[in-house]
Protein backbone atom coordinates (compact mmCIF):
# COMPACT_ATOMS: atom_id res chain seq x y z
CA MET A 1 -152.14 -129.70 0.38
CA ASN A 2 -154.51 -132.57 -0.44
CA SER A 3 -153.43 -136.16 0.10
CA LYS A 4 -153.03 -137.01 -3.62
CA LYS A 5 -150.81 -133.99 -4.19
CA ALA A 6 -148.77 -134.89 -1.10
CA VAL A 7 -148.23 -138.44 -2.41
CA VAL A 8 -147.07 -137.19 -5.81
CA ARG A 9 -144.76 -134.56 -4.31
CA GLN A 10 -143.27 -137.02 -1.80
CA GLY A 11 -142.74 -139.50 -4.64
CA LEU A 12 -140.86 -136.84 -6.57
CA VAL A 13 -138.61 -136.13 -3.59
CA GLY A 14 -137.92 -139.83 -3.05
CA GLY A 15 -137.37 -140.50 -6.75
CA GLY A 16 -135.07 -137.51 -7.05
CA PHE A 17 -133.03 -138.58 -4.04
CA VAL A 18 -132.68 -142.15 -5.31
CA THR A 19 -131.75 -140.93 -8.80
CA LEU A 20 -129.03 -138.66 -7.41
CA LEU A 21 -127.84 -141.52 -5.20
CA LEU A 22 -127.60 -143.74 -8.29
CA ALA A 23 -125.56 -141.10 -10.11
CA GLY A 24 -123.23 -140.78 -7.13
CA THR A 25 -122.89 -144.54 -6.83
CA LEU A 26 -121.90 -144.80 -10.49
CA VAL A 27 -119.22 -142.15 -10.02
CA VAL A 28 -117.89 -143.82 -6.86
CA ALA A 29 -117.95 -147.32 -8.34
CA LEU A 30 -116.64 -146.49 -11.81
CA GLY A 31 -114.68 -143.33 -11.19
CA VAL A 32 -115.11 -139.93 -12.77
CA PRO A 33 -116.77 -140.41 -16.17
CA THR A 34 -114.26 -140.09 -19.00
CA THR A 35 -116.19 -141.50 -21.95
CA PRO A 36 -118.92 -139.44 -23.60
CA SER A 37 -121.50 -142.18 -23.03
CA MET A 38 -120.78 -142.47 -19.31
CA LEU A 39 -120.69 -138.70 -18.93
CA GLY A 40 -124.07 -138.59 -20.67
CA VAL A 41 -125.60 -141.19 -18.36
CA VAL A 42 -124.32 -139.52 -15.19
CA SER A 43 -125.37 -136.06 -16.41
CA TRP A 44 -128.82 -137.39 -17.32
CA LEU A 45 -129.24 -138.95 -13.86
CA VAL A 46 -128.11 -135.75 -12.10
CA PHE A 47 -130.45 -133.60 -14.21
CA VAL A 48 -133.44 -135.87 -13.63
CA GLY A 49 -132.73 -136.24 -9.90
CA ALA A 50 -132.24 -132.53 -9.31
CA THR A 51 -135.33 -131.64 -11.33
CA MET A 52 -137.45 -134.18 -9.45
CA LEU A 53 -136.19 -132.87 -6.11
CA ALA A 54 -136.96 -129.30 -7.14
CA ALA A 55 -140.49 -130.25 -8.23
CA GLY A 56 -141.08 -132.16 -5.01
CA ARG A 57 -139.72 -129.55 -2.63
CA ARG A 58 -140.72 -126.25 -4.24
CA GLU A 59 -144.19 -125.04 -5.21
CA ARG A 60 -142.67 -122.85 -7.92
CA VAL A 61 -139.23 -122.97 -9.51
CA ARG A 62 -137.52 -119.93 -11.00
CA ILE A 63 -135.94 -120.66 -14.38
CA GLY A 64 -134.27 -117.60 -15.79
CA SER A 65 -136.80 -114.79 -15.74
CA ARG A 66 -139.82 -117.13 -15.52
CA THR A 67 -141.45 -118.87 -12.60
CA VAL A 68 -142.78 -122.35 -13.34
CA GLY A 69 -145.18 -124.38 -11.20
CA TRP A 70 -144.05 -127.71 -9.80
CA PRO A 71 -146.24 -129.85 -12.15
CA ARG A 72 -144.45 -128.51 -15.24
CA VAL A 73 -141.05 -129.08 -13.64
CA ALA A 74 -142.11 -132.62 -12.74
CA ALA A 75 -143.33 -133.18 -16.31
CA VAL A 76 -139.89 -132.27 -17.67
CA ALA A 77 -138.13 -134.60 -15.20
CA ILE A 78 -140.46 -137.52 -15.91
CA ALA A 79 -140.26 -136.98 -19.66
CA MET A 80 -136.47 -137.04 -19.39
CA ILE A 81 -136.70 -140.36 -17.55
CA ALA A 82 -138.77 -141.75 -20.42
CA VAL A 83 -136.44 -140.45 -23.12
CA GLY A 84 -133.28 -141.57 -21.32
CA TRP A 85 -134.62 -144.99 -20.39
CA GLY A 86 -135.83 -145.59 -23.94
CA ALA A 87 -132.57 -144.46 -25.51
CA ILE A 88 -130.33 -146.46 -23.21
CA SER A 89 -132.44 -149.59 -23.47
CA LEU A 90 -132.81 -149.34 -27.24
CA GLY A 91 -129.09 -148.78 -27.67
CA SER A 92 -128.21 -151.74 -25.49
CA LEU A 93 -130.80 -153.98 -27.16
CA LEU A 94 -129.44 -153.12 -30.61
CA ALA A 95 -125.91 -153.85 -29.39
CA GLY A 96 -126.77 -157.23 -27.89
CA ASP A 97 -129.07 -158.56 -25.20
CA GLY A 98 -129.71 -155.29 -23.44
CA ILE A 99 -128.70 -154.03 -20.04
CA THR A 100 -130.47 -156.80 -18.11
CA GLY A 101 -129.68 -159.63 -20.50
CA LEU A 102 -133.39 -160.44 -20.75
CA GLY A 103 -133.62 -159.56 -24.44
CA PRO A 104 -137.25 -159.51 -25.62
CA ILE A 105 -138.57 -159.24 -22.05
CA GLU A 106 -136.49 -156.10 -21.55
CA ALA A 107 -137.97 -154.67 -24.75
CA VAL A 108 -141.51 -155.25 -23.46
CA LEU A 109 -140.65 -153.77 -20.04
CA THR A 110 -139.07 -150.75 -21.70
CA VAL A 111 -142.09 -150.09 -23.90
CA GLY A 112 -144.37 -150.38 -20.87
CA MET A 113 -142.32 -148.15 -18.59
CA VAL A 114 -141.56 -145.52 -21.23
CA GLY A 115 -145.25 -145.43 -22.11
CA TYR A 116 -146.24 -145.03 -18.46
CA PHE A 117 -143.67 -142.28 -17.85
CA ALA A 118 -144.77 -140.46 -21.02
CA TRP A 119 -148.42 -140.63 -19.93
CA PHE A 120 -147.62 -139.39 -16.42
CA ALA A 121 -145.43 -136.57 -17.77
CA ARG A 122 -148.39 -135.47 -19.90
CA GLU A 123 -150.69 -135.60 -16.87
CA CYS A 124 -148.30 -133.34 -14.99
CA TRP A 125 -147.91 -130.96 -17.94
CA VAL A 126 -151.65 -130.47 -18.53
CA GLY A 127 -152.53 -130.48 -14.84
CA GLY A 128 -154.54 -133.67 -14.88
CA ALA A 129 -156.43 -135.01 -17.89
CA ARG A 130 -157.29 -138.33 -16.22
CA ILE A 131 -156.07 -137.63 -12.68
CA ASP A 132 -157.91 -135.06 -10.54
CA ALA A 133 -156.79 -131.54 -11.38
CA GLU A 134 -156.51 -130.71 -7.65
CA THR A 135 -153.63 -133.20 -7.47
CA PHE A 136 -151.59 -130.78 -9.60
CA ALA A 137 -152.71 -127.53 -8.00
CA VAL A 138 -150.05 -124.89 -7.46
CA ASP A 139 -150.68 -122.97 -4.24
């Protein structure tokens, strides 16, 4: 495994672990989700965390009758981060000042982060348009 691939895969494992930890912390702090919105947030975090962990730890992941390489699994996880982050931030900004209370600054941060995640998800999906293709090699 080359060093760039190792960095990406280790980042996926770390990001997946932290995302699952965040989901668990929400459940411990707020109790079992009872509202549809809270259930959606926790489910989203669990899905993203588990998918990131799978992409970081496994070279190939079996989904039904198909086997998918880790870059495609990572692309799905990262795209789900972008979609979820954008939806939650947009919803909170439309309802008031946003999650952070920073208002317009949160909007700029959200656009930047969602754009970055969308770009990186595309890089994973296509196997490297701007990043070296060997970074996304499936052994």
